[in-house]
Amino acid sequence: MPRTDPDRRRKLRGAIRYLVAKETLERGHQAQLAKHFDVSRQWVHQIVIDERRRLNQAGAELAYPRT
């Protein structure tokens, strides 16, 4: 299976989104996710950063809605 498989990316992003939203992403989880999805840990880390940024922006928009 190629590393750029869209289904794999969607599943990985969903798993990371869930862990970040529930605040249960702990030390070592990124390495485990990388091994399970056969991708680099750095790539997993970049997705974690993106998801945290997206979650923070969504929370900021709820706290300070645009008028």
Protein backbone atom coordinates (compact mmCIF):
# COMPACT_ATOMS: atom_id res chain seq x y z
CA MET A 1 0.00 0.00 0.00
CA PRO A 2 1.52 3.38 -0.96
CA ARG A 3 2.27 5.87 1.78
CA THR A 4 0.08 8.51 0.14
CA ASP A 5 -3.06 6.39 0.35
CA PRO A 6 -5.97 8.84 0.98
CA ASP A 7 -7.84 6.34 3.15
CA ARG A 8 -4.82 5.89 5.39
CA ARG A 9 -4.39 9.66 5.75
CA ARG A 10 -8.08 10.09 6.61
CA LYS A 11 -7.95 7.37 9.27
CA LEU A 12 -4.72 8.72 10.77
CA ARG A 13 -6.03 12.28 10.88
CA GLY A 14 -9.27 11.04 12.49
CA ALA A 15 -7.37 9.13 15.18
CA ILE A 16 -5.18 12.14 15.92
CA ARG A 17 -8.18 14.49 15.95
CA TYR A 18 -9.91 12.24 18.50
CA LEU A 19 -6.86 11.99 20.77
CA VAL A 20 -6.20 15.74 20.63
CA ALA A 21 -9.85 16.64 21.27
CA LYS A 22 -10.04 14.28 24.27
CA GLU A 23 -6.61 15.49 25.48
CA THR A 24 -5.36 11.91 25.77
CA LEU A 25 -2.38 12.15 23.42
CA GLU A 26 0.51 11.17 25.68
CA ARG A 27 4.21 10.58 25.34
CA GLY A 28 4.90 7.73 22.93
CA HIS A 29 1.53 7.79 21.18
CA GLN A 30 2.89 9.58 18.11
CA ALA A 31 5.51 6.87 17.62
CA GLN A 32 2.88 4.15 18.04
CA LEU A 33 0.58 5.82 15.52
CA ALA A 34 3.46 6.20 13.07
CA LYS A 35 4.34 2.53 13.38
CA HIS A 36 0.73 1.40 13.04
CA PHE A 37 0.04 3.54 9.95
CA ASP A 38 3.55 2.92 8.50
CA VAL A 39 4.47 6.60 8.27
CA SER A 40 7.18 8.73 9.87
CA ARG A 41 6.78 10.05 13.39
CA GLN A 42 7.62 13.50 12.09
CA TRP A 43 4.65 13.33 9.73
CA VAL A 44 2.39 12.31 12.61
CA HIS A 45 3.78 15.19 14.67
CA GLN A 46 2.98 17.67 11.88
CA ILE A 47 -0.61 16.43 11.76
CA VAL A 48 -0.84 16.79 15.56
CA ILE A 49 0.34 20.39 15.28
CA ASP A 50 -2.20 21.09 12.51
CA GLU A 51 -5.06 19.53 14.49
CA ARG A 52 -4.18 21.42 17.67
CA ARG A 53 -4.05 24.66 15.70
CA ARG A 54 -7.41 23.89 14.08
CA LEU A 55 -8.96 23.04 17.45
CA ASN A 56 -7.60 26.22 19.05
CA GLN A 57 -8.93 28.36 16.20
CA ALA A 58 -12.35 26.75 16.48
CA GLY A 59 -12.37 27.39 20.23
CA ALA A 60 -11.29 31.00 19.76
CA GLU A 61 -14.05 31.61 17.25
CA LEU A 62 -16.62 30.26 19.71
CA ALA A 63 -15.27 32.43 22.51
CA TYR A 64 -14.98 35.54 20.35
CA PRO A 65 -17.52 35.31 17.51
CA ARG A 66 -17.13 37.67 14.59
CA THR A 67 -19.76 40.36 14.32
